[in-house]
Protein backbone atom coordinates (compact mmCIF):
# COMPACT_ATOMS: atom_id res chain seq x y z
CA MET A 1 97.91 41.25 130.16
CA LYS A 2 99.15 42.73 133.45
CA ALA A 3 95.78 44.39 134.00
CA VAL A 4 94.10 41.04 133.49
CA GLU A 5 96.38 39.38 136.04
CA ARG A 6 95.24 41.85 138.74
CA ILE A 7 91.56 40.99 138.41
CA GLU A 8 90.06 39.66 141.65
CA ALA A 9 87.59 36.78 141.53
CA SER A 10 84.05 38.17 141.51
CA LYS A 11 82.54 35.20 143.35
CA THR A 12 83.36 31.75 144.72
CA GLU A 13 81.71 28.39 144.23
CA ARG A 14 79.76 28.94 147.45
CA GLU A 15 77.92 31.88 145.91
CA GLU A 16 76.57 30.00 142.91
CA ASN A 17 72.93 29.07 142.39
CA PHE A 18 73.77 25.39 142.34
CA PRO A 19 76.18 23.05 144.14
CA VAL A 20 79.73 23.03 142.81
CA ALA A 21 81.74 19.99 143.94
CA SER A 22 79.66 19.66 147.12
CA PHE A 23 80.26 17.03 149.79
CA LEU A 24 78.10 14.66 147.74
CA ILE A 25 80.86 14.37 145.15
CA ASN A 26 83.65 11.89 145.82
CA ARG A 27 86.37 13.68 147.77
CA ARG A 28 89.12 12.83 145.28
CA LEU A 29 87.16 14.49 142.45
CA ARG A 30 86.15 17.71 144.19
CA GLY A 31 89.52 19.37 143.63
CA PRO A 32 89.58 18.80 139.86
CA ILE A 33 86.01 20.12 139.55
CA LEU A 34 86.91 23.22 141.55
CA HIS A 35 89.96 23.84 139.36
CA PHE A 36 87.70 23.68 136.28
CA TYR A 37 85.22 26.03 137.96
CA ARG A 38 87.94 28.53 138.90
CA PHE A 39 89.32 28.44 135.37
CA ALA A 40 85.84 29.27 134.06
CA ARG A 41 85.39 31.95 136.73
CA ALA A 42 88.69 33.57 135.72
CA ALA A 43 87.58 33.67 132.09
CA ASP A 44 84.17 35.06 133.08
CA ASP A 45 85.74 37.79 135.20
CA ILE A 46 87.97 38.82 132.32
CA THR A 47 85.03 38.97 129.92
CA ASP A 48 82.80 40.95 132.28
CA HIS A 49 85.39 43.41 133.60
CA PRO A 50 84.18 46.98 132.97
CA ASP A 51 87.67 48.54 132.73
CA LEU A 52 89.17 46.24 130.09
CA SER A 53 89.02 46.97 126.41
CA GLU A 54 87.73 44.40 123.98
CA ALA A 55 91.29 43.73 122.84
CA ASP A 56 92.49 43.25 126.43
CA LYS A 57 89.70 40.81 127.15
CA LEU A 58 90.48 38.70 124.11
CA ALA A 59 94.18 38.79 124.98
CA GLY A 60 93.39 37.59 128.48
CA LEU A 61 91.34 34.70 127.13
CA ASP A 62 94.14 33.83 124.71
CA ALA A 63 96.57 33.73 127.63
CA LEU A 64 94.31 31.25 129.46
CA GLU A 65 94.27 29.06 126.38
CA GLU A 66 98.03 29.22 125.86
CA THR A 67 98.68 28.31 129.48
CA LEU A 68 96.13 25.49 129.39
CA LEU A 69 97.87 24.04 126.34
CA GLY A 70 101.32 24.36 127.91
CA LYS A 71 102.55 27.07 125.53
CA SER A 72 103.19 29.48 128.40
CA ASP A 73 102.64 29.94 132.13
CA ARG A 74 101.28 33.48 131.90
CA ALA A 75 97.73 32.80 133.14
CA LYS A 76 98.13 31.45 136.66
CA ALA A 77 94.43 30.59 136.87
CA ALA A 78 94.89 27.94 134.17
CA LEU A 79 97.84 26.13 135.77
CA PRO A 80 95.89 23.96 138.28
CA LEU A 81 93.48 22.78 135.59
CA ARG A 82 96.35 22.03 133.21
CA ASP A 83 97.92 19.84 135.91
CA VAL A 84 94.60 18.03 136.46
CA LEU A 85 94.19 17.30 132.76
CA GLU A 86 97.74 15.96 132.52
CA GLU A 87 97.46 13.82 135.66
CA ARG A 88 94.18 12.25 134.59
CA GLY A 89 94.82 11.95 130.88
CA LEU A 90 91.90 14.22 129.97
CA ALA A 91 91.76 16.35 126.84
CA PRO A 92 91.41 20.14 127.18
CA THR A 93 88.44 20.15 124.79
CA HIS A 94 85.78 21.18 127.30
CA ALA A 95 87.82 24.05 128.74
CA LEU A 96 88.65 25.26 125.21
CA ASP A 97 84.96 25.17 124.32
CA LEU A 98 84.24 27.39 127.31
CA LEU A 99 86.77 29.93 126.07
CA GLU A 100 84.92 30.08 122.73
CA ALA A 101 81.77 31.11 124.59
CA PHE A 102 83.64 33.77 126.53
CA ARG A 103 85.11 35.15 123.32
CA ALA A 104 81.54 35.36 122.00
CA ASP A 105 80.58 37.33 125.10
CA VAL A 106 83.19 39.94 124.18
CA THR A 107 81.90 40.50 120.66
CA LYS A 108 78.30 39.26 120.52
CA HIS A 109 75.58 40.92 122.60
CA ARG A 110 72.30 39.69 121.08
CA TYR A 111 70.69 36.33 120.19
CA GLY A 112 68.08 36.22 117.53
CA ASP A 113 66.20 33.06 118.46
CA TRP A 114 66.17 30.02 120.76
CA ASP A 115 68.37 27.91 118.48
CA GLU A 116 71.03 30.62 118.43
CA LEU A 117 70.93 30.80 122.21
CA MET A 118 71.24 27.01 122.50
CA GLN A 119 74.28 27.13 120.21
CA TYR A 120 75.81 29.61 122.66
CA CYS A 121 74.93 27.25 125.56
CA ARG A 122 76.69 24.46 123.66
CA TYR A 123 79.93 26.29 124.44
CA SER A 124 79.08 28.28 127.57
CA ALA A 125 77.35 25.59 129.68
CA MET A 126 77.36 22.10 128.23
CA PRO A 127 81.18 21.67 128.46
CA VAL A 128 80.91 21.99 132.26
CA GLY A 129 78.65 18.97 132.56
CA ARG A 130 80.64 17.03 130.01
CA PHE A 131 83.88 17.64 131.92
CA VAL A 132 82.32 16.41 135.17
CA LEU A 133 80.98 13.31 133.45
CA ASP A 134 84.32 12.56 131.80
CA LEU A 135 86.11 13.07 135.11
CA HIS A 136 83.84 10.42 136.65
CA GLY A 137 84.41 8.04 133.74
CA GLU A 138 80.75 8.14 132.71
CA ASP A 139 79.56 6.97 129.32
CA ARG A 140 79.05 9.72 126.76
CA SER A 141 75.47 8.59 126.29
CA THR A 142 74.77 10.56 129.48
CA TRP A 143 75.55 13.78 127.63
CA ALA A 144 72.04 13.54 126.20
CA TYR A 145 70.72 14.35 129.69
CA SER A 146 73.56 16.53 130.92
CA ASP A 147 73.46 18.95 127.98
CA PRO A 148 69.84 20.03 128.52
CA LEU A 149 70.48 20.37 132.25
CA CYS A 150 73.45 22.66 131.71
CA ALA A 151 71.56 24.66 129.08
CA ALA A 152 68.61 25.06 131.46
CA LEU A 153 70.91 26.30 134.23
CA GLN A 154 72.38 28.84 131.81
CA VAL A 155 68.95 30.09 130.76
CA ILE A 156 67.86 30.37 134.40
CA ASN A 157 70.95 32.47 135.10
CA HIS A 158 70.21 34.65 132.08
CA LEU A 159 66.67 35.25 133.30
CA GLN A 160 67.80 36.04 136.85
CA ASP A 161 70.40 38.54 135.61
CA CYS A 162 68.65 39.92 132.54
CA GLY A 163 68.42 43.43 134.00
CA LYS A 164 71.99 43.47 135.32
CA ASP A 165 73.42 42.08 132.07
CA TYR A 166 71.70 44.83 130.11
CA HIS A 167 72.61 47.65 132.51
CA ALA A 168 76.25 46.76 133.06
CA LEU A 169 77.29 45.00 129.85
CA GLN A 170 74.65 45.85 127.24
CA ARG A 171 74.19 42.11 126.73
CA VAL A 172 70.85 40.43 126.11
CA TYR A 173 70.75 36.64 126.32
CA LEU A 174 66.98 36.51 125.77
CA PRO A 175 65.90 35.32 122.29
CA LEU A 176 64.83 38.46 120.44
CA ASP A 177 62.12 36.69 118.45
CA MET A 178 60.45 35.50 121.67
CA MET A 179 60.48 39.06 123.01
CA LEU A 180 59.12 40.42 119.73
CA ALA A 181 56.34 37.81 119.75
CA ARG A 182 55.08 39.37 123.00
CA GLY A 183 55.63 42.93 121.80
CA ALA A 184 58.51 43.53 124.22
CA ARG A 185 61.54 45.67 123.39
CA VAL A 186 65.13 45.24 124.58
CA GLU A 187 65.09 48.72 126.12
CA GLU A 188 62.45 47.60 128.62
CA LEU A 189 65.18 45.64 130.44
CA ALA A 190 66.45 48.98 131.78
CA ALA A 191 63.24 49.52 133.78
CA SER A 192 62.94 48.81 137.50
CA LYS A 193 59.90 46.64 136.84
CA ALA A 194 59.02 44.46 133.86
CA SER A 195 56.10 45.50 131.70
CA PRO A 196 53.30 42.97 131.14
CA ARG A 197 54.73 42.37 127.67
CA LEU A 198 58.22 41.69 128.98
CA ARG A 199 56.88 39.52 131.82
CA ALA A 200 55.03 37.39 129.26
CA ALA A 201 58.23 36.96 127.23
CA LEU A 202 60.25 36.06 130.35
CA LYS A 203 57.65 33.45 131.28
CA ASP A 204 57.83 31.95 127.80
CA ILE A 205 61.60 31.60 128.14
CA ALA A 206 61.22 30.09 131.62
CA GLU A 207 58.81 27.54 130.16
CA ARG A 208 61.42 26.57 127.59
CA ALA A 209 63.93 26.08 130.42
CA SER A 210 61.38 23.88 132.16
CA GLN A 211 61.13 21.73 129.04
CA LEU A 212 64.91 21.28 129.06
CA LEU A 213 64.71 20.10 132.66
CA GLN A 214 62.20 17.42 131.65
CA GLN A 215 64.95 15.90 129.49
CA ALA A 216 67.54 16.39 132.22
CA GLU A 217 65.56 14.53 134.89
CA LYS A 218 66.92 11.20 133.62
CA LEU A 219 70.53 12.16 134.37
CA PRO A 220 70.62 11.27 138.12
CA LEU A 221 69.57 7.69 137.35
CA ALA A 222 71.62 7.38 134.16
CA VAL A 223 75.04 8.04 135.67
CA GLN A 224 76.93 5.13 137.21
CA ASP A 225 78.45 7.04 140.13
CA THR A 226 75.98 7.19 143.03
CA ARG A 227 77.42 10.38 144.46
CA LEU A 228 77.25 12.11 141.10
CA GLY A 229 73.67 10.89 140.77
CA LEU A 230 72.82 12.56 144.08
CA GLU A 231 74.59 15.79 143.13
CA THR A 232 72.83 16.04 139.77
CA GLY A 233 69.53 15.14 141.42
CA VAL A 234 69.93 18.06 143.81
CA ILE A 235 70.78 20.38 140.92
CA VAL A 236 67.72 19.31 138.93
CA LYS A 237 65.52 19.81 141.99
CA LEU A 238 66.87 23.31 142.66
CA ALA A 239 66.59 24.22 138.99
CA ARG A 240 62.96 23.14 139.03
CA ARG A 241 62.31 25.37 142.04
CA LEU A 242 64.05 28.38 140.49
CA THR A 243 62.14 27.92 137.24
CA ALA A 244 58.89 27.91 139.21
CA LEU A 245 59.94 31.18 140.90
CA LEU A 246 60.76 32.74 137.52
CA LEU A 247 57.24 31.90 136.36
CA GLN A 248 55.85 33.66 139.44
CA ARG A 249 58.18 36.63 139.94
CA ASP A 250 59.56 39.57 138.01
CA PRO A 251 63.38 39.29 137.93
CA LEU A 252 63.68 43.06 137.39
CA SER A 253 61.91 43.98 140.63
CA GLU A 254 61.92 40.81 142.77
CA ALA A 255 64.59 38.49 144.08
CA VAL A 256 64.60 35.16 142.28
CA HIS A 257 66.95 33.21 144.50
CA LEU A 258 66.54 30.42 147.04
CA ALA A 259 67.24 31.07 150.71
CA SER A 260 69.71 28.79 152.53
CA LEU A 261 67.14 26.76 154.49
CA PRO A 262 64.88 26.02 151.49
CA VAL A 263 67.99 25.04 149.51
CA LEU A 264 69.01 22.63 152.26
CA LEU A 265 65.53 21.12 152.47
CA GLN A 266 65.26 20.81 148.70
CA ALA A 267 68.69 19.19 148.58
CA MET A 268 67.79 16.67 151.27
CA GLN A 269 64.54 15.77 149.52
CA ALA A 270 66.27 15.45 146.17
CA SER A 271 68.97 13.21 147.65
CA VAL A 272 66.36 10.88 149.14
CA ASP A 273 64.36 10.83 145.90
CA VAL A 274 67.38 10.09 143.73
CA LEU A 275 68.76 7.47 146.09
CA ALA A 276 65.38 5.74 146.21
CA GLY A 277 65.18 5.90 142.43
CA ARG A 278 68.68 4.48 141.99
CA LEU A 279 68.12 1.70 144.51
CA PHE A 280 64.60 0.69 143.62
CA GLN A 281 64.34 1.44 139.89
CA THR A 282 63.29 -1.60 137.88
CA GLY A 283 65.41 -0.75 134.87
CA PHE A 284 69.14 -0.41 134.43
CA SER A 285 71.22 2.55 133.35
CA ALA A 286 73.17 2.85 130.12
CA ARG A 287 76.16 0.72 131.10
CA GLY A 288 74.77 -1.20 134.07
CA SER A 289 73.45 -4.71 134.05
CA GLY A 290 71.30 -6.76 136.34
CA PRO A 291 71.72 -10.20 137.79
CA ALA A 292 72.26 -12.78 135.09
CA ASP A 293 69.99 -15.78 134.65
CA LEU A 294 72.22 -18.74 135.46
CA SER A 295 69.90 -21.58 136.21
CA ASP A 296 68.63 -23.09 132.94
CA ARG A 297 65.77 -24.39 135.09
CA ASP A 298 63.33 -24.75 132.20
CA ALA A 299 65.49 -27.42 130.61
CA LEU A 300 65.29 -29.50 133.76
CA GLY A 301 61.66 -28.90 134.62
CA ILE A 302 62.25 -26.32 137.35
CA ALA A 303 59.96 -23.30 137.18
CA PRO A 304 61.90 -20.01 136.90
CA ALA A 305 61.59 -17.54 139.78
CA PRO A 306 61.67 -13.77 139.32
CA VAL A 307 64.84 -11.91 140.22
CA ALA A 308 64.35 -10.13 143.55
CA LYS A 309 65.52 -6.67 142.57
CA THR A 310 64.39 -5.25 145.92
CA SER A 311 66.28 -7.69 148.15
CA SER A 312 68.68 -6.15 150.65
CA PHE A 313 71.63 -7.99 149.10
CA TYR A 314 70.85 -6.77 145.60
CA LEU A 315 70.20 -3.18 146.66
CA ALA A 316 73.34 -2.92 148.81
CA MET A 317 75.42 -3.85 145.77
CA ARG A 318 74.03 -1.10 143.54
CA ILE A 319 76.36 1.46 145.12
CA LEU A 320 79.49 -0.40 144.01
CA PRO A 321 81.68 0.57 141.04
CA PRO A 322 80.54 -1.16 137.81
CA GLU A 323 83.08 -3.99 137.79
CA GLN A 324 82.50 -4.92 141.42
CA ARG A 325 78.76 -4.47 141.08
CA ASP A 326 78.57 -6.76 138.07
CA GLY A 327 80.68 -9.30 139.95
CA MET A 328 78.31 -9.23 142.90
CA TYR A 329 75.30 -9.47 140.58
CA ALA A 330 76.78 -12.70 139.19
CA ILE A 331 77.26 -14.07 142.72
CA TYR A 332 73.76 -12.97 143.64
CA ALA A 333 72.27 -14.70 140.60
CA PHE A 334 74.21 -17.88 141.31
CA CYS A 335 72.87 -17.93 144.88
CA ARG A 336 69.33 -17.30 143.67
CA ALA A 337 69.61 -20.08 141.10
CA VAL A 338 70.74 -22.80 143.52
CA ASP A 339 68.43 -21.52 146.27
CA ASP A 340 65.44 -21.76 143.92
CA ILE A 341 66.38 -25.37 143.22
CA ALA A 342 66.22 -26.20 146.91
CA ASP A 343 62.94 -24.33 147.39
CA ASP A 344 61.19 -25.63 144.27
CA SER A 345 58.31 -28.07 144.64
CA GLY A 346 59.42 -30.25 141.73
CA PRO A 347 60.62 -33.86 142.00
CA ALA A 348 63.50 -34.29 144.45
CA LYS A 349 65.37 -36.44 141.96
CA THR A 350 65.34 -33.66 139.40
CA ARG A 351 66.52 -31.09 141.91
CA HIS A 352 69.35 -33.31 143.13
CA ALA A 353 70.38 -33.76 139.50
CA LEU A 354 70.48 -30.03 138.94
CA LEU A 355 72.62 -29.45 142.03
CA ASP A 356 74.96 -32.20 140.83
CA ARG A 357 75.12 -30.53 137.46
CA TRP A 358 76.14 -27.29 139.14
CA ARG A 359 78.93 -29.13 140.97
CA ALA A 360 80.14 -30.74 137.76
CA ASP A 361 80.06 -27.49 135.79
CA ILE A 362 81.88 -25.59 138.53
CA ALA A 363 84.54 -28.30 138.65
CA ARG A 364 84.88 -28.14 134.87
CA LEU A 365 85.31 -24.35 135.04
CA TYR A 366 88.13 -24.62 137.59
CA ASN A 367 89.77 -27.58 135.81
CA GLY A 368 90.21 -25.58 132.61
CA GLY A 369 87.31 -27.08 130.70
CA GLY A 370 85.72 -23.69 130.11
CA PRO A 371 82.31 -22.31 131.10
CA THR A 372 79.02 -24.03 130.39
CA MET A 373 75.57 -22.55 130.03
CA LEU A 374 75.28 -22.55 133.83
CA THR A 375 78.67 -21.06 134.63
CA LYS A 376 79.14 -18.60 131.76
CA ALA A 377 78.08 -15.64 133.92
CA ILE A 378 80.34 -16.42 136.87
CA ALA A 379 83.36 -17.42 134.73
CA PRO A 380 84.72 -13.89 134.17
CA VAL A 381 84.12 -13.04 137.81
CA VAL A 382 86.01 -16.12 138.97
CA SER A 383 88.96 -15.09 136.82
CA ARG A 384 88.88 -11.39 137.62
CA PHE A 385 88.63 -11.73 141.41
CA ASP A 386 90.33 -15.11 141.95
CA LEU A 387 87.26 -16.65 143.58
CA ARG A 388 87.67 -20.06 145.22
CA GLN A 389 85.96 -23.18 143.96
CA GLU A 390 85.32 -24.52 147.47
CA ASP A 391 83.15 -21.51 148.33
CA PHE A 392 80.85 -22.09 145.35
CA LEU A 393 80.62 -25.77 146.22
CA ALA A 394 79.91 -24.97 149.87
CA ILE A 395 76.88 -22.94 148.80
CA VAL A 396 75.61 -25.83 146.70
CA ASP A 397 76.17 -28.21 149.64
CA GLY A 398 74.17 -25.87 151.85
CA MET A 399 71.24 -26.00 149.45
CA GLU A 400 71.44 -29.77 149.45
CA MET A 401 71.09 -29.75 153.24
CA ASP A 402 67.69 -28.13 152.67
CA LEU A 403 66.85 -30.61 149.95
CA ARG A 404 67.74 -33.60 152.14
CA ARG A 405 65.52 -32.32 154.96
CA GLU A 406 68.47 -32.00 157.33
CA MET A 407 67.27 -28.68 158.72
CA GLN A 408 64.55 -29.93 161.10
CA ARG A 409 65.60 -28.99 164.63
CA PRO A 410 69.30 -29.41 163.75
CA ASP A 411 71.87 -29.39 166.52
CA TRP A 412 74.02 -26.27 166.91
CA GLU A 413 76.93 -27.82 165.06
CA THR A 414 74.78 -28.62 162.03
CA PHE A 415 73.13 -25.22 162.19
CA GLU A 416 76.55 -23.53 162.26
CA LEU A 417 77.67 -25.62 159.29
CA TYR A 418 74.53 -24.64 157.39
CA CYS A 419 75.08 -20.93 158.13
CA ASP A 420 78.67 -21.23 157.00
CA ARG A 421 77.68 -22.82 153.71
CA VAL A 422 74.72 -20.67 152.72
CA ALA A 423 75.90 -17.34 154.15
CA SER A 424 79.54 -17.16 155.19
CA ALA A 425 80.64 -18.86 151.96
CA VAL A 426 78.81 -16.12 150.06
CA GLY A 427 80.73 -13.66 152.21
CA ARG A 428 84.05 -15.30 151.36
CA LEU A 429 83.31 -14.81 147.67
CA SER A 430 82.11 -11.26 148.25
CA VAL A 431 85.06 -9.96 150.27
CA ARG A 432 87.39 -10.85 147.41
CA ILE A 433 85.28 -8.71 145.09
CA PHE A 434 85.16 -5.89 147.65
CA GLY A 435 88.96 -5.95 147.90
CA ILE A 436 89.13 -6.61 151.64
CA ASP A 437 92.36 -7.93 153.16
CA HIS A 438 92.33 -11.75 153.16
CA ASP A 439 92.46 -12.43 156.90
CA LYS A 440 90.03 -9.66 157.76
CA GLY A 441 87.76 -10.79 154.93
CA ILE A 442 87.61 -14.36 156.25
CA GLU A 443 86.82 -13.14 159.76
CA LEU A 444 84.20 -10.71 158.49
CA SER A 445 82.55 -13.42 156.38
CA HIS A 446 82.41 -15.75 159.39
CA HIS A 447 80.65 -13.28 161.67
CA LEU A 448 78.52 -11.21 159.30
CA GLY A 449 77.37 -14.25 157.31
CA ARG A 450 76.16 -15.97 160.46
CA ALA A 451 74.55 -12.79 161.80
CA LEU A 452 72.60 -12.27 158.58
CA GLN A 453 71.52 -15.90 158.29
CA MET A 454 70.39 -16.15 161.91
CA THR A 455 68.35 -12.99 161.44
CA ASN A 456 66.80 -14.50 158.31
CA VAL A 457 65.89 -17.64 160.25
CA LEU A 458 64.18 -15.60 162.98
CA ARG A 459 62.33 -13.52 160.41
CA ASP A 460 61.18 -16.40 158.20
CA LEU A 461 59.94 -18.94 160.76
CA ASP A 462 56.46 -19.17 159.26
CA GLU A 463 57.60 -19.08 155.64
CA ASP A 464 60.13 -21.84 156.28
CA ALA A 465 57.50 -23.88 158.09
CA GLY A 466 55.53 -23.93 154.85
CA LEU A 467 58.50 -25.76 153.32
CA GLY A 468 58.65 -28.19 156.22
CA ARG A 469 61.77 -26.59 157.72
CA LEU A 470 62.60 -25.57 161.27
CA TYR A 471 66.08 -24.08 161.51
CA LEU A 472 66.04 -23.30 165.24
CA PRO A 473 68.72 -25.47 166.90
CA ASN A 474 67.55 -28.37 168.99
CA GLU A 475 69.54 -27.13 172.00
CA VAL A 476 67.72 -23.78 172.28
CA LEU A 477 64.34 -25.49 171.85
CA ALA A 478 65.15 -28.04 174.53
CA ASP A 479 66.39 -25.33 176.90
CA ALA A 480 63.03 -23.60 176.42
CA GLY A 481 61.20 -26.84 177.26
CA ILE A 482 59.88 -27.35 173.76
CA GLU A 483 59.87 -31.08 173.07
CA GLU A 484 57.39 -31.16 170.19
CA GLN A 485 58.82 -32.30 166.84
CA GLU A 486 56.07 -31.08 164.51
CA VAL A 487 56.96 -27.67 163.08
CA GLU A 488 53.46 -26.25 163.56
CA LYS A 489 53.36 -27.20 167.22
CA VAL A 490 56.80 -25.72 167.86
CA LEU A 491 55.80 -22.41 166.28
CA CYS A 492 52.67 -22.21 168.44
CA HIS A 493 54.47 -23.07 171.67
CA PRO A 494 54.11 -20.35 174.35
CA ARG A 495 57.86 -20.49 175.13
CA LEU A 496 59.03 -20.20 171.53
CA GLY A 497 60.26 -16.68 172.26
CA GLU A 498 62.86 -18.01 174.70
CA ALA A 499 64.41 -20.18 172.00
CA CYS A 500 64.35 -17.32 169.50
CA ILE A 501 65.96 -14.90 171.94
CA ALA A 502 68.86 -17.34 172.37
CA VAL A 503 69.46 -17.31 168.62
CA ALA A 504 68.96 -13.53 168.48
CA SER A 505 71.62 -13.09 171.18
CA ARG A 506 74.06 -15.18 169.17
CA ALA A 507 73.27 -13.10 166.06
CA ALA A 508 73.86 -9.87 168.01
CA GLN A 509 77.26 -11.16 169.11
CA HIS A 510 78.19 -11.90 165.50
CA PHE A 511 77.04 -8.40 164.44
CA ALA A 512 79.27 -6.89 167.13
CA GLU A 513 82.26 -8.98 166.00
CA ALA A 514 81.62 -8.07 162.36
CA SER A 515 81.44 -4.37 163.26
CA ALA A 516 84.78 -4.59 165.03
CA VAL A 517 86.37 -6.17 161.96
CA MET A 518 84.92 -3.53 159.60
CA ALA A 519 86.19 -0.73 161.85
CA ASN A 520 89.71 -1.86 160.98
CA CYS A 521 89.12 -2.17 157.23
CA ASN A 522 89.41 0.40 154.47
CA ARG A 523 86.09 2.27 154.60
CA GLN A 524 85.59 2.13 150.84
CA SER A 525 85.92 -1.67 150.79
CA VAL A 526 83.25 -2.28 153.46
CA ARG A 527 80.52 0.07 152.25
CA SER A 528 78.18 -2.72 151.13
CA PRO A 529 78.83 -4.97 154.18
CA ARG A 530 78.16 -2.02 156.49
CA ILE A 531 74.86 -1.34 154.75
CA MET A 532 73.85 -4.98 155.04
CA ALA A 533 74.84 -5.10 158.71
CA SER A 534 72.97 -1.87 159.48
CA VAL A 535 69.78 -3.00 157.74
CA TYR A 536 69.79 -6.46 159.29
CA GLN A 537 70.61 -5.20 162.77
CA ALA A 538 67.60 -2.92 162.52
CA LEU A 539 65.55 -5.92 161.38
CA LEU A 540 66.79 -8.00 164.32
CA ASP A 541 65.90 -5.20 166.73
CA LYS A 542 62.38 -5.06 165.27
CA LEU A 543 61.99 -8.82 165.60
CA ILE A 544 63.07 -8.76 169.25
CA LYS A 545 60.68 -5.90 169.98
CA ARG A 546 57.79 -7.72 168.28
CA GLY A 547 58.51 -11.09 169.88
CA TRP A 548 57.58 -14.50 168.49
CA THR A 549 54.18 -15.15 169.99
CA ALA A 550 51.72 -16.44 167.38
CA PRO A 551 50.22 -14.94 165.31
CA ARG A 552 53.33 -13.06 164.23
CA GLU A 553 53.16 -9.79 162.33
CA GLU A 554 55.46 -9.73 159.31
CA ILE A 555 58.52 -7.56 159.89
CA ARG A 556 60.33 -5.86 157.02
CA ILE A 557 62.76 -2.99 156.62
CA SER A 558 61.26 0.05 154.92
CA LYS A 559 62.78 1.76 151.90
CA LEU A 560 63.43 4.83 154.04
CA GLN A 561 65.47 2.81 156.54
CA PHE A 562 67.47 1.29 153.72
CA ILE A 563 68.11 4.72 152.22
CA GLU A 564 69.26 5.95 155.64
CA ALA A 565 71.80 3.12 155.77
CA VAL A 566 73.08 3.94 152.29
CA LEU A 567 73.43 7.63 153.14
CA ARG A 568 75.31 6.76 156.32
CA TYR A 569 77.66 4.07 155.04
CA GLY A 570 77.52 4.11 151.25
CA LEU A 571 78.78 7.62 150.56
CA VAL A 572 82.37 7.50 151.78
């Protein structure tokens, strides 16, 4: 055992083909992953050491197991992982599975067919992915995508090192039947260049690895943790590239590795692709859910509207942990439901009745009467995050202001009240879900809610006009010399831009105040608000640059700009 203890690590995580606990992974989880990696590296170094006997190798692996299980402290390399497992309440199963594979390496040097090799990968590779998933609290359904990824990475490594493994260790991890099918012999691995027969067999094995990666490509979108999704997306991308190189090159005579710059470029592209997929996918992952349908509009003659799964609000919430995300989805759906009532073209009497029904059902929920069909989705969120009744009612009151045609050149006071009800009230519900300090949350809701709503007003002038609404305050229109009352005439007025700039300036002030508040908040709690602020500030800048002279080009934020905001503020 003393000889085993003197073994130096043969490589570090930085020398691996694929990222190991990179910056993409949440900082608090990088250490545990590295401890697992170093445990595996210690076992690998014992197994591969040329000066140890078979008995010494097995004894060294036994010492790792005993230390991991707390039976001794002999194997220092196992102590950090043992502490991690105890602190986080994780079973040692995955680490013990790895040791079974390393024991096989000591005694077994050939694999007859693909199934036999995959059984080896079940213990040599798959436990790594399963540990990382368990550490992140992911559902075990994701193993169906992680297992083929880990197996593919193992096969890629076997192909890259097939000559070295044979020379140094007399091990062959290539399925013998696949070599025989091409007429290749094991002894050909000792050559400096692969024969045509051996090259054909190596390509066949690389193709099988490529098939595994097809199954693994679902993993980045299936996991709940955004950072883990990015990390696994990068790994899949790099594995794809290495597999392509193995199909083109001879691993006996040519380097089959990625240079640093291509790795960086591939990683950046993969991160963008995965983030876009996670944000803009139309489906939901294994445990996730989408916005609930709260409105029951059909029963009251209101046509249902589709859920806007590409709205900035909805997308900014996708980065949240499941419980917070589901809470925000419920708030989002509630807002959509009452907003659709105000915007619907049905009879006003019916729409007023539906808003009144919302008020009554919300009151019943808070008075202990239990949830109704309308409030069943928000009921658990109200309880879990202690949401206030008056904020829900304020949102309904804001929608009624639209329904009563109060938003036609309102004065500043009315406009401010409207912004508070339809935007800042949403913020007051949201900050409780985000876990922001109460006083800071109220201040943030005040400023960011108004900034977002004012930007919406400036963006949607023409769309709102189609509903007979003109949200621009009377004061800014009068200051610009616009006396016309008809919406169409106001929007065609040559000095409309002056009125819009006044509102834009007020919005910019609110963005600045909101930014100052968020700078003093816990960074994790303001990820989604920062994304929203970043996206909408960019939108406001575009609107100012375009101006408001008719005809007005539609201004939207691109997916790439949204992804940039998520990368900047969402991964903290």
